[in-house]
């Protein structure tokens, strides 16, 4: 689950709670990002996605 720190729907705390329902889920928050983190900081978003898919 990936959330922007400033996202209003769902708020990061709710997104984190949803993650608990999935045994292998991971949760991360992009600092300073809203609902579209790939637009707020594309480099940060791409780096996190690259790291996730490299596993």
PDB file of N, CA and C in Angstrom:
ATOM      1  N   UNK A   1       0.863  -1.156   0.000  1.00  0.00           N
ATOM      2  CA  UNK A   1       0.000   0.000   0.000  1.00  0.00           C
ATOM      3  C   UNK A   1       0.909   1.216   0.000  1.00  0.00           C
ATOM      4  N   UNK A   2       0.588   2.159  -0.829  1.00  0.00           N
ATOM      5  CA  UNK A   2       1.396   3.365  -0.987  1.00  0.00           C
ATOM      6  C   UNK A   2       0.492   4.566  -0.751  1.00  0.00           C
ATOM      7  N   UNK A   3       0.908   5.460   0.130  1.00  0.00           N
ATOM      8  CA  UNK A   3       0.092   6.626   0.445  1.00  0.00           C
ATOM      9  C   UNK A   3       0.933   7.890   0.421  1.00  0.00           C
ATOM     10  N   UNK A   4       0.303   8.967   0.061  1.00  0.00           N
ATOM     11  CA  UNK A   4       0.946  10.271   0.173  1.00  0.00           C
ATOM     12  C   UNK A   4       0.716  10.825   1.570  1.00  0.00           C
ATOM     13  N   UNK A   5       1.717  11.426   2.135  1.00  0.00           N
ATOM     14  CA  UNK A   5       1.635  11.961   3.489  1.00  0.00           C
ATOM     15  C   UNK A   5       0.464  12.934   3.659  1.00  0.00           C
ATOM     16  N   UNK A   6       0.156  13.700   2.628  1.00  0.00           N
ATOM     17  CA  UNK A   6      -0.877  14.723   2.709  1.00  0.00           C
ATOM     18  C   UNK A   6      -2.199  14.297   2.077  1.00  0.00           C
ATOM     19  N   UNK A   7      -2.316  13.022   1.736  1.00  0.00           N
ATOM     20  CA  UNK A   7      -3.523  12.521   1.086  1.00  0.00           C
ATOM     21  C   UNK A   7      -4.714  12.631   2.031  1.00  0.00           C
ATOM     22  N   UNK A   8      -5.815  13.123   1.511  1.00  0.00           N
ATOM     23  CA  UNK A   8      -7.018  13.267   2.324  1.00  0.00           C
ATOM     24  C   UNK A   8      -7.991  12.117   2.181  1.00  0.00           C
ATOM     25  N   UNK A   9      -7.772  11.234   1.237  1.00  0.00           N
ATOM     26  CA  UNK A   9      -8.706  10.141   1.053  1.00  0.00           C
ATOM     27  C   UNK A   9      -8.101   9.012   0.238  1.00  0.00           C
ATOM     28  N   UNK A  10      -7.695   7.956   0.865  1.00  0.00           N
ATOM     29  CA  UNK A  10      -7.716   7.767   2.310  1.00  0.00           C
ATOM     30  C   UNK A  10      -6.506   8.412   2.980  1.00  0.00           C
ATOM     31  N   UNK A  11      -6.682   8.805   4.201  1.00  0.00           N
ATOM     32  CA  UNK A  11      -5.565   9.322   4.991  1.00  0.00           C
ATOM     33  C   UNK A  11      -4.548   8.189   5.171  1.00  0.00           C
ATOM     34  N   UNK A  12      -3.274   8.514   5.321  1.00  0.00           N
ATOM     35  CA  UNK A  12      -2.259   7.465   5.466  1.00  0.00           C
ATOM     36  C   UNK A  12      -2.544   6.471   6.589  1.00  0.00           C
ATOM     37  N   UNK A  13      -3.111   6.927   7.681  1.00  0.00           N
ATOM     38  CA  UNK A  13      -3.398   6.000   8.784  1.00  0.00           C
ATOM     39  C   UNK A  13      -4.419   4.948   8.366  1.00  0.00           C
ATOM     40  N   UNK A  14      -5.434   5.321   7.634  1.00  0.00           N
ATOM     41  CA  UNK A  14      -6.416   4.346   7.157  1.00  0.00           C
ATOM     42  C   UNK A  14      -5.779   3.392   6.159  1.00  0.00           C
ATOM     43  N   UNK A  15      -4.958   3.902   5.273  1.00  0.00           N
ATOM     44  CA  UNK A  15      -4.257   3.044   4.312  1.00  0.00           C
ATOM     45  C   UNK A  15      -3.378   2.037   5.046  1.00  0.00           C
ATOM     46  N   UNK A  16      -2.705   2.466   6.102  1.00  0.00           N
ATOM     47  CA  UNK A  16      -1.863   1.552   6.888  1.00  0.00           C
ATOM     48  C   UNK A  16      -2.720   0.461   7.524  1.00  0.00           C
ATOM     49  N   UNK A  17      -3.877   0.827   8.041  1.00  0.00           N
ATOM     50  CA  UNK A  17      -4.746  -0.167   8.671  1.00  0.00           C
ATOM     51  C   UNK A  17      -5.237  -1.201   7.661  1.00  0.00           C
ATOM     52  N   UNK A  18      -5.529  -0.797   6.450  1.00  0.00           N
ATOM     53  CA  UNK A  18      -5.956  -1.734   5.409  1.00  0.00           C
ATOM     54  C   UNK A  18      -4.855  -2.744   5.128  1.00  0.00           C
ATOM     55  N   UNK A  19      -3.625  -2.297   5.165  1.00  0.00           N
ATOM     56  CA  UNK A  19      -2.481  -3.172   4.905  1.00  0.00           C
ATOM     57  C   UNK A  19      -2.450  -4.361   5.860  1.00  0.00           C
ATOM     58  N   UNK A  20      -2.933  -4.170   7.070  1.00  0.00           N
ATOM     59  CA  UNK A  20      -2.915  -5.245   8.071  1.00  0.00           C
ATOM     60  C   UNK A  20      -3.744  -6.454   7.661  1.00  0.00           C
ATOM     61  N   UNK A  21      -4.662  -6.297   6.720  1.00  0.00           N
ATOM     62  CA  UNK A  21      -5.504  -7.404   6.273  1.00  0.00           C
ATOM     63  C   UNK A  21      -4.795  -8.343   5.293  1.00  0.00           C
ATOM     64  N   UNK A  22      -3.626  -7.944   4.825  1.00  0.00           N
ATOM     65  CA  UNK A  22      -2.911  -8.726   3.814  1.00  0.00           C
ATOM     66  C   UNK A  22      -1.564  -9.155   4.373  1.00  0.00           C
ATOM     67  N   UNK A  23      -1.371 -10.452   4.479  1.00  0.00           N
ATOM     68  CA  UNK A  23      -0.214 -11.027   5.156  1.00  0.00           C
ATOM     69  C   UNK A  23       1.121 -10.516   4.609  1.00  0.00           C
ATOM     70  N   UNK A  24       1.258 -10.395   3.320  1.00  0.00           N
ATOM     71  CA  UNK A  24       2.545 -10.024   2.725  1.00  0.00           C
ATOM     72  C   UNK A  24       2.599  -8.560   2.282  1.00  0.00           C
ATOM     73  N   UNK A  25       1.618  -7.788   2.674  1.00  0.00           N
ATOM     74  CA  UNK A  25       1.564  -6.388   2.245  1.00  0.00           C
ATOM     75  C   UNK A  25       2.667  -5.548   2.885  1.00  0.00           C
ATOM     76  N   UNK A  26       3.048  -4.537   2.168  1.00  0.00           N
ATOM     77  CA  UNK A  26       3.986  -3.538   2.676  1.00  0.00           C
ATOM     78  C   UNK A  26       3.270  -2.191   2.648  1.00  0.00           C
ATOM     79  N   UNK A  27       3.705  -1.299   3.508  1.00  0.00           N
ATOM     80  CA  UNK A  27       3.116   0.032   3.568  1.00  0.00           C
ATOM     81  C   UNK A  27       4.226   1.071   3.558  1.00  0.00           C
ATOM     82  N   UNK A  28       4.032   2.100   2.771  1.00  0.00           N
ATOM     83  CA  UNK A  28       4.986   3.208   2.751  1.00  0.00           C
ATOM     84  C   UNK A  28       4.245   4.514   2.512  1.00  0.00           C
ATOM     85  N   UNK A  29       4.800   5.579   3.051  1.00  0.00           N
ATOM     86  CA  UNK A  29       4.238   6.918   2.895  1.00  0.00           C
ATOM     87  C   UNK A  29       5.266   7.788   2.189  1.00  0.00           C
ATOM     88  N   UNK A  30       4.831   8.476   1.163  1.00  0.00           N
ATOM     89  CA  UNK A  30       5.711   9.402   0.459  1.00  0.00           C
ATOM     90  C   UNK A  30       5.603  10.775   1.121  1.00  0.00           C
ATOM     91  N   UNK A  31       6.693  11.268   1.696  1.00  0.00           N
ATOM     92  CA  UNK A  31       6.665  12.567   2.376  1.00  0.00           C
ATOM     93  C   UNK A  31       6.279  13.704   1.429  1.00  0.00           C
ATOM     94  N   UNK A  32       5.434  14.589   1.922  1.00  0.00           N
ATOM     95  CA  UNK A  32       5.061  15.783   1.184  1.00  0.00           C
ATOM     96  C   UNK A  32       4.148  15.568  -0.005  1.00  0.00           C
ATOM     97  N   UNK A  33       3.692  14.348  -0.214  1.00  0.00           N
ATOM     98  CA  UNK A  33       2.863  14.030  -1.379  1.00  0.00           C
ATOM     99  C   UNK A  33       1.388  13.987  -0.994  1.00  0.00           C
ATOM    100  N   UNK A  34       0.545  14.281  -1.966  1.00  0.00           N
ATOM    101  CA  UNK A  34      -0.892  14.189  -1.783  1.00  0.00           C
ATOM    102  C   UNK A  34      -1.440  12.924  -2.404  1.00  0.00           C
ATOM    103  N   UNK A  35      -2.601  13.034  -3.033  1.00  0.00           N
ATOM    104  CA  UNK A  35      -3.290  11.876  -3.594  1.00  0.00           C
ATOM    105  C   UNK A  35      -2.620  11.330  -4.860  1.00  0.00           C
ATOM    106  N   UNK A  36      -1.824  12.148  -5.508  1.00  0.00           N
ATOM    107  CA  UNK A  36      -1.127  11.713  -6.722  1.00  0.00           C
ATOM    108  C   UNK A  36       0.373  11.854  -6.508  1.00  0.00           C
ATOM    109  N   UNK A  37       0.984  10.955  -5.741  1.00  0.00           N
ATOM    110  CA  UNK A  37       2.394  11.101  -5.385  1.00  0.00           C
ATOM    111  C   UNK A  37       3.327  11.074  -6.587  1.00  0.00           C
ATOM    112  N   UNK A  38       2.937  10.410  -7.658  1.00  0.00           N
ATOM    113  CA  UNK A  38       3.781  10.357  -8.852  1.00  0.00           C
ATOM    114  C   UNK A  38       3.875  11.717  -9.535  1.00  0.00           C
ATOM    115  N   UNK A  39       2.916  12.609  -9.266  1.00  0.00           N
ATOM    116  CA  UNK A  39       2.988  13.968  -9.796  1.00  0.00           C
ATOM    117  C   UNK A  39       3.730  14.912  -8.850  1.00  0.00           C
ATOM    118  N   UNK A  40       3.583  14.680  -7.544  1.00  0.00           N
ATOM    119  CA  UNK A  40       4.206  15.552  -6.552  1.00  0.00           C
ATOM    120  C   UNK A  40       5.723  15.414  -6.527  1.00  0.00           C
ATOM    121  N   UNK A  41       6.223  14.207  -6.675  1.00  0.00           N
ATOM    122  CA  UNK A  41       7.675  13.964  -6.676  1.00  0.00           C
ATOM    123  C   UNK A  41       7.945  12.695  -7.488  1.00  0.00           C
ATOM    124  N   UNK A  42       7.977  12.823  -8.812  1.00  0.00           N
ATOM    125  CA  UNK A  42       8.115  11.642  -9.671  1.00  0.00           C
ATOM    126  C   UNK A  42       9.375  10.827  -9.401  1.00  0.00           C
ATOM    127  N   UNK A  43      10.475  11.478  -9.069  1.00  0.00           N
ATOM    128  CA  UNK A  43      11.724  10.751  -8.832  1.00  0.00           C
ATOM    129  C   UNK A  43      11.620   9.872  -7.586  1.00  0.00           C
ATOM    130  N   UNK A  44      11.057  10.412  -6.535  1.00  0.00           N
ATOM    131  CA  UNK A  44      10.885   9.630  -5.297  1.00  0.00           C
ATOM    132  C   UNK A  44       9.954   8.450  -5.556  1.00  0.00           C
ATOM    133  N   UNK A  45       8.851   8.714  -6.216  1.00  0.00           N
ATOM    134  CA  UNK A  45       7.887   7.661  -6.514  1.00  0.00           C
ATOM    135  C   UNK A  45       8.524   6.551  -7.350  1.00  0.00           C
ATOM    136  N   UNK A  46       9.244   6.931  -8.400  1.00  0.00           N
ATOM    137  CA  UNK A  46       9.882   5.937  -9.277  1.00  0.00           C
ATOM    138  C   UNK A  46      10.912   5.110  -8.520  1.00  0.00           C
ATOM    139  N   UNK A  47      11.667   5.750  -7.644  1.00  0.00           N
ATOM    140  CA  UNK A  47      12.670   5.012  -6.867  1.00  0.00           C
ATOM    141  C   UNK A  47      12.009   3.986  -5.950  1.00  0.00           C
ATOM    142  N   UNK A  48      10.910   4.355  -5.308  1.00  0.00           N
ATOM    143  CA  UNK A  48      10.208   3.408  -4.429  1.00  0.00           C
ATOM    144  C   UNK A  48       9.603   2.258  -5.231  1.00  0.00           C
ATOM    145  N   UNK A  49       9.037   2.552  -6.390  1.00  0.00           N
ATOM    146  CA  UNK A  49       8.466   1.501  -7.223  1.00  0.00           C
ATOM    147  C   UNK A  49       9.559   0.566  -7.739  1.00  0.00           C
ATOM    148  N   UNK A  50      10.679   1.126  -8.166  1.00  0.00           N
ATOM    149  CA  UNK A  50      11.802   0.298  -8.612  1.00  0.00           C
ATOM    150  C   UNK A  50      12.264  -0.633  -7.511  1.00  0.00           C
ATOM    151  N   UNK A  51      12.385  -0.107  -6.298  1.00  0.00           N
ATOM    152  CA  UNK A  51      12.830  -0.933  -5.159  1.00  0.00           C
ATOM    153  C   UNK A  51      11.812  -2.031  -4.865  1.00  0.00           C
ATOM    154  N   UNK A  52      10.536  -1.710  -4.926  1.00  0.00           N
ATOM    155  CA  UNK A  52       9.503  -2.699  -4.645  1.00  0.00           C
ATOM    156  C   UNK A  52       9.530  -3.820  -5.681  1.00  0.00           C
ATOM    157  N   UNK A  53       9.576  -3.468  -6.955  1.00  0.00           N
ATOM    158  CA  UNK A  53       9.523  -4.490  -8.003  1.00  0.00           C
ATOM    159  C   UNK A  53      10.826  -5.256  -8.160  1.00  0.00           C
ATOM    160  N   UNK A  54      11.901  -4.745  -7.586  1.00  0.00           N
ATOM    161  CA  UNK A  54      13.186  -5.454  -7.649  1.00  0.00           C
ATOM    162  C   UNK A  54      13.196  -6.672  -6.702  1.00  0.00           C
ATOM    163  N   UNK A  55      12.278  -6.691  -5.732  1.00  0.00           N
ATOM    164  CA  UNK A  55      12.246  -7.802  -4.762  1.00  0.00           C
ATOM    165  C   UNK A  55      11.636  -9.015  -5.343  1.00  0.00           C
TER     166      UNK A  55
END
